Each structure stands twice: as C-alpha cells, then as structure tokens.
Amino acid sequence: LNHISGLAQHITTKYNKPVFFYDGDVPA
C-alpha cells in the first residue's frame, strides 16, 4: 500500500469507482 499511496484516492475522486484492497497475508 505504501508504494502506491494516493492511487485509490485518485480513482475514487476522478472516476467515482470503488477501490478495494485484498490483503492475503494477514496477520503476518
């Protein structure tokens, strides 16, 4: 997430599309 900070906010603001994150390594 910290490599692409701002990408999700950009998509939701400009295109009004939901952006989801799937963390498949929780809790490690």
PDB file of all heavy atoms in Angstrom:
ATOM      1  N   LEU A   1       0.816  -1.213   0.000  1.00  0.00           N
ATOM      2  CA  LEU A   1       0.000   0.000   0.000  1.00  0.00           C
ATOM      3  C   LEU A   1       0.845   1.256   0.000  1.00  0.00           C
ATOM      4  O   LEU A   1       0.504   2.245  -0.653  1.00  0.00           O
ATOM      5  CB  LEU A   1      -0.901   0.041   1.254  1.00  0.00           C
ATOM      6  CG  LEU A   1      -2.176  -0.779   1.265  1.00  0.00           C
ATOM      7  CD1 LEU A   1      -1.860  -2.211   1.657  1.00  0.00           C
ATOM      8  CD2 LEU A   1      -3.178  -0.198   2.241  1.00  0.00           C
ATOM      9  N   ASN A   2       1.950   1.213   0.752  1.00  0.00           N
ATOM     10  CA  ASN A   2       2.754   2.422   0.881  1.00  0.00           C
ATOM     11  C   ASN A   2       3.638   2.688  -0.339  1.00  0.00           C
ATOM     12  O   ASN A   2       4.364   3.673  -0.362  1.00  0.00           O
ATOM     13  CB  ASN A   2       3.603   2.389   2.159  1.00  0.00           C
ATOM     14  CG  ASN A   2       4.377   1.094   2.323  1.00  0.00           C
ATOM     15  OD1 ASN A   2       4.548   0.331   1.363  1.00  0.00           O
ATOM     16  ND2 ASN A   2       4.844   0.842   3.530  1.00  0.00           N
ATOM     17  N   HIS A   3       3.570   1.821  -1.345  1.00  0.00           N
ATOM     18  CA  HIS A   3       4.260   2.085  -2.610  1.00  0.00           C
ATOM     19  C   HIS A   3       3.354   2.832  -3.586  1.00  0.00           C
ATOM     20  O   HIS A   3       3.844   3.450  -4.535  1.00  0.00           O
ATOM     21  CB  HIS A   3       4.715   0.784  -3.274  1.00  0.00           C
ATOM     22  CG  HIS A   3       5.878   0.146  -2.594  1.00  0.00           C
ATOM     23  ND1 HIS A   3       6.614  -0.856  -3.183  1.00  0.00           N
ATOM     24  CD2 HIS A   3       6.440   0.351  -1.381  1.00  0.00           C
ATOM     25  CE1 HIS A   3       7.568  -1.247  -2.354  1.00  0.00           C
ATOM     26  NE2 HIS A   3       7.476  -0.526  -1.259  1.00  0.00           N
ATOM     27  N   ILE A   4       2.053   2.723  -3.409  1.00  0.00           N
ATOM     28  CA  ILE A   4       1.101   3.313  -4.360  1.00  0.00           C
ATOM     29  C   ILE A   4       0.147   4.263  -3.649  1.00  0.00           C
ATOM     30  O   ILE A   4      -1.018   4.393  -4.046  1.00  0.00           O
ATOM     31  CB  ILE A   4       0.320   2.212  -5.116  1.00  0.00           C
ATOM     32  CG1 ILE A   4      -0.357   1.243  -4.135  1.00  0.00           C
ATOM     33  CG2 ILE A   4       1.229   1.456  -6.073  1.00  0.00           C
ATOM     34  CD1 ILE A   4      -1.329   0.275  -4.813  1.00  0.00           C
ATOM     35  N   SER A   5       0.636   4.920  -2.609  1.00  0.00           N
ATOM     36  CA  SER A   5      -0.204   5.870  -1.875  1.00  0.00           C
ATOM     37  C   SER A   5      -0.789   6.911  -2.822  1.00  0.00           C
ATOM     38  O   SER A   5      -0.086   7.453  -3.675  1.00  0.00           O
ATOM     39  CB  SER A   5       0.618   6.556  -0.793  1.00  0.00           C
ATOM     40  OG  SER A   5       1.005   5.641   0.203  1.00  0.00           O
ATOM     41  N   GLY A   6      -2.077   7.164  -2.667  1.00  0.00           N
ATOM     42  CA  GLY A   6      -2.760   8.152  -3.484  1.00  0.00           C
ATOM     43  C   GLY A   6      -3.476   7.593  -4.688  1.00  0.00           C
ATOM     44  O   GLY A   6      -4.374   8.243  -5.244  1.00  0.00           O
ATOM     45  N   LEU A   7      -3.138   6.364  -5.112  1.00  0.00           N
ATOM     46  CA  LEU A   7      -3.769   5.787  -6.300  1.00  0.00           C
ATOM     47  C   LEU A   7      -5.264   5.553  -6.079  1.00  0.00           C
ATOM     48  O   LEU A   7      -6.096   5.933  -6.914  1.00  0.00           O
ATOM     49  CB  LEU A   7      -3.076   4.479  -6.684  1.00  0.00           C
ATOM     50  CG  LEU A   7      -3.711   3.705  -7.856  1.00  0.00           C
ATOM     51  CD1 LEU A   7      -3.686   4.532  -9.131  1.00  0.00           C
ATOM     52  CD2 LEU A   7      -2.992   2.365  -8.069  1.00  0.00           C
ATOM     53  N   ALA A   8      -5.620   4.941  -4.959  1.00  0.00           N
ATOM     54  CA  ALA A   8      -7.032   4.655  -4.701  1.00  0.00           C
ATOM     55  C   ALA A   8      -7.837   5.948  -4.592  1.00  0.00           C
ATOM     56  O   ALA A   8      -8.952   6.058  -5.142  1.00  0.00           O
ATOM     57  CB  ALA A   8      -7.172   3.826  -3.421  1.00  0.00           C
ATOM     58  N   GLN A   9      -7.288   6.944  -3.884  1.00  0.00           N
ATOM     59  CA  GLN A   9      -7.982   8.216  -3.749  1.00  0.00           C
ATOM     60  C   GLN A   9      -8.175   8.887  -5.103  1.00  0.00           C
ATOM     61  O   GLN A   9      -9.227   9.461  -5.401  1.00  0.00           O
ATOM     62  CB  GLN A   9      -7.186   9.131  -2.817  1.00  0.00           C
ATOM     63  CG  GLN A   9      -7.862  10.467  -2.541  1.00  0.00           C
ATOM     64  CD  GLN A   9      -9.160  10.295  -1.785  1.00  0.00           C
ATOM     65  OE1 GLN A   9      -9.218   9.556  -0.803  1.00  0.00           O
ATOM     66  NE2 GLN A   9     -10.210  10.956  -2.253  1.00  0.00           N
ATOM     67  N   HIS A  10      -7.169   8.790  -5.959  1.00  0.00           N
ATOM     68  CA  HIS A  10      -7.254   9.356  -7.302  1.00  0.00           C
ATOM     69  C   HIS A  10      -8.392   8.715  -8.097  1.00  0.00           C
ATOM     70  O   HIS A  10      -9.177   9.417  -8.757  1.00  0.00           O
ATOM     71  CB  HIS A  10      -5.921   9.141  -8.026  1.00  0.00           C
ATOM     72  CG  HIS A  10      -5.928   9.569  -9.450  1.00  0.00           C
ATOM     73  ND1 HIS A  10      -5.774  10.884  -9.848  1.00  0.00           N
ATOM     74  CD2 HIS A  10      -6.090   8.849 -10.608  1.00  0.00           C
ATOM     75  CE1 HIS A  10      -5.839  10.968 -11.171  1.00  0.00           C
ATOM     76  NE2 HIS A  10      -6.022   9.745 -11.646  1.00  0.00           N
ATOM     77  N   ILE A  11      -8.504   7.396  -8.025  1.00  0.00           N
ATOM     78  CA  ILE A  11      -9.532   6.682  -8.793  1.00  0.00           C
ATOM     79  C   ILE A  11     -10.924   7.034  -8.296  1.00  0.00           C
ATOM     80  O   ILE A  11     -11.839   7.313  -9.084  1.00  0.00           O
ATOM     81  CB  ILE A  11      -9.297   5.165  -8.724  1.00  0.00           C
ATOM     82  CG1 ILE A  11      -7.980   4.800  -9.415  1.00  0.00           C
ATOM     83  CG2 ILE A  11     -10.463   4.397  -9.360  1.00  0.00           C
ATOM     84  CD1 ILE A  11      -7.537   3.371  -9.167  1.00  0.00           C
ATOM     85  N   THR A  12     -11.116   7.025  -6.982  1.00  0.00           N
ATOM     86  CA  THR A  12     -12.459   7.307  -6.449  1.00  0.00           C
ATOM     87  C   THR A  12     -12.859   8.756  -6.704  1.00  0.00           C
ATOM     88  O   THR A  12     -14.033   9.050  -6.976  1.00  0.00           O
ATOM     89  CB  THR A  12     -12.531   6.998  -4.951  1.00  0.00           C
ATOM     90  OG1 THR A  12     -11.485   7.708  -4.263  1.00  0.00           O
ATOM     91  CG2 THR A  12     -12.357   5.514  -4.695  1.00  0.00           C
ATOM     92  N   THR A  13     -11.898   9.668  -6.624  1.00  0.00           N
ATOM     93  CA  THR A  13     -12.216  11.084  -6.822  1.00  0.00           C
ATOM     94  C   THR A  13     -12.493  11.402  -8.289  1.00  0.00           C
ATOM     95  O   THR A  13     -13.483  12.084  -8.618  1.00  0.00           O
ATOM     96  CB  THR A  13     -11.057  11.971  -6.319  1.00  0.00           C
ATOM     97  OG1 THR A  13     -10.853  11.727  -4.924  1.00  0.00           O
ATOM     98  CG2 THR A  13     -11.368  13.445  -6.533  1.00  0.00           C
ATOM     99  N   LYS A  14     -11.642  10.893  -9.178  1.00  0.00           N
ATOM    100  CA  LYS A  14     -11.762  11.253 -10.595  1.00  0.00           C
ATOM    101  C   LYS A  14     -12.834  10.451 -11.325  1.00  0.00           C
ATOM    102  O   LYS A  14     -13.517  10.976 -12.211  1.00  0.00           O
ATOM    103  CB  LYS A  14     -10.410  11.061 -11.283  1.00  0.00           C
ATOM    104  CG  LYS A  14     -10.392  11.517 -12.740  1.00  0.00           C
ATOM    105  CD  LYS A  14      -8.982  11.478 -13.317  1.00  0.00           C
ATOM    106  CE  LYS A  14      -8.958  11.978 -14.761  1.00  0.00           C
ATOM    107  NZ  LYS A  14      -7.578  11.994 -15.322  1.00  0.00           N
ATOM    108  N   TYR A  15     -13.000   9.171 -10.934  1.00  0.00           N
ATOM    109  CA  TYR A  15     -13.890   8.294 -11.702  1.00  0.00           C
ATOM    110  C   TYR A  15     -15.108   7.816 -10.912  1.00  0.00           C
ATOM    111  O   TYR A  15     -15.971   7.137 -11.473  1.00  0.00           O
ATOM    112  CB  TYR A  15     -13.111   7.071 -12.210  1.00  0.00           C
ATOM    113  CG  TYR A  15     -11.956   7.448 -13.105  1.00  0.00           C
ATOM    114  CD1 TYR A  15     -10.660   7.513 -12.600  1.00  0.00           C
ATOM    115  CD2 TYR A  15     -12.161   7.758 -14.448  1.00  0.00           C
ATOM    116  CE1 TYR A  15      -9.591   7.866 -13.416  1.00  0.00           C
ATOM    117  CE2 TYR A  15     -11.102   8.113 -15.270  1.00  0.00           C
ATOM    118  CZ  TYR A  15      -9.818   8.168 -14.743  1.00  0.00           C
ATOM    119  OH  TYR A  15      -8.765   8.533 -15.557  1.00  0.00           O
ATOM    120  N   ASN A  16     -15.159   8.120  -9.641  1.00  0.00           N
ATOM    121  CA  ASN A  16     -16.280   7.705  -8.804  1.00  0.00           C
ATOM    122  C   ASN A  16     -16.498   6.190  -8.852  1.00  0.00           C
ATOM    123  O   ASN A  16     -17.619   5.697  -8.922  1.00  0.00           O
ATOM    124  CB  ASN A  16     -17.571   8.422  -9.212  1.00  0.00           C
ATOM    125  CG  ASN A  16     -18.664   8.280  -8.158  1.00  0.00           C
ATOM    126  OD1 ASN A  16     -18.373   8.184  -6.964  1.00  0.00           O
ATOM    127  ND2 ASN A  16     -19.912   8.249  -8.606  1.00  0.00           N
ATOM    128  N   LYS A  17     -15.375   5.463  -8.822  1.00  0.00           N
ATOM    129  CA  LYS A  17     -15.443   3.999  -8.808  1.00  0.00           C
ATOM    130  C   LYS A  17     -14.866   3.500  -7.485  1.00  0.00           C
ATOM    131  O   LYS A  17     -13.862   4.043  -6.988  1.00  0.00           O
ATOM    132  CB  LYS A  17     -14.634   3.404  -9.961  1.00  0.00           C
ATOM    133  CG  LYS A  17     -15.170   3.768 -11.348  1.00  0.00           C
ATOM    134  CD  LYS A  17     -14.321   3.132 -12.434  1.00  0.00           C
ATOM    135  CE  LYS A  17     -14.733   3.629 -13.814  1.00  0.00           C
ATOM    136  NZ  LYS A  17     -16.088   3.172 -14.192  1.00  0.00           N
ATOM    137  N   PRO A  18     -15.454   2.476  -6.883  1.00  0.00           N
ATOM    138  CA  PRO A  18     -14.906   1.931  -5.637  1.00  0.00           C
ATOM    139  C   PRO A  18     -13.589   1.207  -5.876  1.00  0.00           C
ATOM    140  O   PRO A  18     -13.392   0.578  -6.919  1.00  0.00           O
ATOM    141  CB  PRO A  18     -15.996   0.966  -5.154  1.00  0.00           C
ATOM    142  CG  PRO A  18     -16.705   0.545  -6.400  1.00  0.00           C
ATOM    143  CD  PRO A  18     -16.661   1.740  -7.318  1.00  0.00           C
ATOM    144  N   VAL A  19     -12.689   1.321  -4.913  1.00  0.00           N
ATOM    145  CA  VAL A  19     -11.391   0.654  -4.983  1.00  0.00           C
ATOM    146  C   VAL A  19     -11.227  -0.185  -3.723  1.00  0.00           C
ATOM    147  O   VAL A  19     -11.329   0.326  -2.603  1.00  0.00           O
ATOM    148  CB  VAL A  19     -10.234   1.672  -5.083  1.00  0.00           C
ATOM    149  CG1 VAL A  19      -8.900   0.942  -5.260  1.00  0.00           C
ATOM    150  CG2 VAL A  19     -10.464   2.645  -6.239  1.00  0.00           C
ATOM    151  N   PHE A  20     -10.953  -1.472  -3.906  1.00  0.00           N
ATOM    152  CA  PHE A  20     -10.843  -2.416  -2.798  1.00  0.00           C
ATOM    153  C   PHE A  20      -9.414  -2.932  -2.700  1.00  0.00           C
ATOM    154  O   PHE A  20      -8.718  -3.060  -3.709  1.00  0.00           O
ATOM    155  CB  PHE A  20     -11.794  -3.602  -3.006  1.00  0.00           C
ATOM    156  CG  PHE A  20     -13.241  -3.195  -3.134  1.00  0.00           C
ATOM    157  CD1 PHE A  20     -13.775  -2.845  -4.375  1.00  0.00           C
ATOM    158  CD2 PHE A  20     -14.056  -3.134  -2.021  1.00  0.00           C
ATOM    159  CE1 PHE A  20     -15.092  -2.455  -4.497  1.00  0.00           C
ATOM    160  CE2 PHE A  20     -15.378  -2.747  -2.130  1.00  0.00           C
ATOM    161  CZ  PHE A  20     -15.901  -2.400  -3.371  1.00  0.00           C
ATOM    162  N   PHE A  21      -9.007  -3.238  -1.469  1.00  0.00           N
ATOM    163  CA  PHE A  21      -7.691  -3.829  -1.255  1.00  0.00           C
ATOM    164  C   PHE A  21      -7.866  -5.200  -0.621  1.00  0.00           C
ATOM    165  O   PHE A  21      -8.623  -5.344   0.344  1.00  0.00           O
ATOM    166  CB  PHE A  21      -6.822  -2.962  -0.343  1.00  0.00           C
ATOM    167  CG  PHE A  21      -5.390  -3.439  -0.263  1.00  0.00           C
ATOM    168  CD1 PHE A  21      -4.459  -3.049  -1.206  1.00  0.00           C
ATOM    169  CD2 PHE A  21      -4.977  -4.308   0.738  1.00  0.00           C
ATOM    170  CE1 PHE A  21      -3.148  -3.497  -1.160  1.00  0.00           C
ATOM    171  CE2 PHE A  21      -3.677  -4.768   0.799  1.00  0.00           C
ATOM    172  CZ  PHE A  21      -2.765  -4.363  -0.152  1.00  0.00           C
ATOM    173  N   TYR A  22      -7.165  -6.212  -1.172  1.00  0.00           N
ATOM    174  CA  TYR A  22      -7.195  -7.566  -0.620  1.00  0.00           C
ATOM    175  C   TYR A  22      -5.820  -7.881  -0.060  1.00  0.00           C
ATOM    176  O   TYR A  22      -4.857  -8.026  -0.802  1.00  0.00           O
ATOM    177  CB  TYR A  22      -7.597  -8.555  -1.714  1.00  0.00           C
ATOM    178  CG  TYR A  22      -7.799  -9.989  -1.255  1.00  0.00           C
ATOM    179  CD1 TYR A  22      -7.778 -10.365   0.095  1.00  0.00           C
ATOM    180  CD2 TYR A  22      -8.031 -10.995  -2.185  1.00  0.00           C
ATOM    181  CE1 TYR A  22      -7.970 -11.671   0.493  1.00  0.00           C
ATOM    182  CE2 TYR A  22      -8.234 -12.312  -1.796  1.00  0.00           C
ATOM    183  CZ  TYR A  22      -8.197 -12.642  -0.457  1.00  0.00           C
ATOM    184  OH  TYR A  22      -8.387 -13.948  -0.062  1.00  0.00           O
ATOM    185  N   ASP A  23      -5.745  -7.955   1.266  1.00  0.00           N
ATOM    186  CA  ASP A  23      -4.506  -8.371   1.922  1.00  0.00           C
ATOM    187  C   ASP A  23      -4.616  -9.864   2.207  1.00  0.00           C
ATOM    188  O   ASP A  23      -5.371 -10.281   3.090  1.00  0.00           O
ATOM    189  CB  ASP A  23      -4.293  -7.577   3.215  1.00  0.00           C
ATOM    190  CG  ASP A  23      -2.923  -7.853   3.835  1.00  0.00           C
ATOM    191  OD1 ASP A  23      -2.296  -8.860   3.463  1.00  0.00           O
ATOM    192  OD2 ASP A  23      -2.498  -7.067   4.705  1.00  0.00           O
ATOM    193  N   GLY A  24      -3.850 -10.649   1.483  1.00  0.00           N
ATOM    194  CA  GLY A  24      -3.883 -12.095   1.644  1.00  0.00           C
ATOM    195  C   GLY A  24      -2.835 -12.627   2.601  1.00  0.00           C
ATOM    196  O   GLY A  24      -2.650 -13.849   2.695  1.00  0.00           O
ATOM    197  N   ASP A  25      -2.159 -11.732   3.341  1.00  0.00           N
ATOM    198  CA  ASP A  25      -1.085 -12.142   4.256  1.00  0.00           C
ATOM    199  C   ASP A  25      -1.361 -11.793   5.710  1.00  0.00           C
ATOM    200  O   ASP A  25      -0.451 -11.840   6.534  1.00  0.00           O
ATOM    201  CB  ASP A  25       0.243 -11.495   3.838  1.00  0.00           C
ATOM    202  CG  ASP A  25       0.787 -12.065   2.545  1.00  0.00           C
ATOM    203  OD1 ASP A  25       0.644 -13.286   2.342  1.00  0.00           O
ATOM    204  OD2 ASP A  25       1.342 -11.290   1.747  1.00  0.00           O
ATOM    205  N   VAL A  26      -2.590 -11.438   6.040  1.00  0.00           N
ATOM    206  CA  VAL A  26      -2.918 -11.114   7.431  1.00  0.00           C
ATOM    207  C   VAL A  26      -2.882 -12.397   8.257  1.00  0.00           C
ATOM    208  O   VAL A  26      -3.388 -13.431   7.820  1.00  0.00           O
ATOM    209  CB  VAL A  26      -4.320 -10.467   7.495  1.00  0.00           C
ATOM    210  CG1 VAL A  26      -4.702 -10.163   8.941  1.00  0.00           C
ATOM    211  CG2 VAL A  26      -4.362  -9.186   6.653  1.00  0.00           C
ATOM    212  N   PRO A  27      -2.291 -12.377   9.476  1.00  0.00           N
ATOM    213  CA  PRO A  27      -1.780 -11.214  10.194  1.00  0.00           C
ATOM    214  C   PRO A  27      -0.294 -10.939   9.992  1.00  0.00           C
ATOM    215  O   PRO A  27       0.216  -9.964  10.524  1.00  0.00           O
ATOM    216  CB  PRO A  27      -2.042 -11.588  11.656  1.00  0.00           C
ATOM    217  CG  PRO A  27      -1.790 -13.062  11.670  1.00  0.00           C
ATOM    218  CD  PRO A  27      -2.348 -13.580  10.357  1.00  0.00           C
ATOM    219  N   ALA A  28       0.434 -11.791   9.264  1.00  0.00           N
ATOM    220  CA  ALA A  28       1.883 -11.609   9.146  1.00  0.00           C
ATOM    221  C   ALA A  28       2.240 -10.267   8.524  1.00  0.00           C
ATOM    222  O   ALA A  28       3.306  -9.720   8.784  1.00  0.00           O
ATOM    223  CB  ALA A  28       2.488 -12.745   8.326  1.00  0.00           C
TER     224      ALA A  28
END
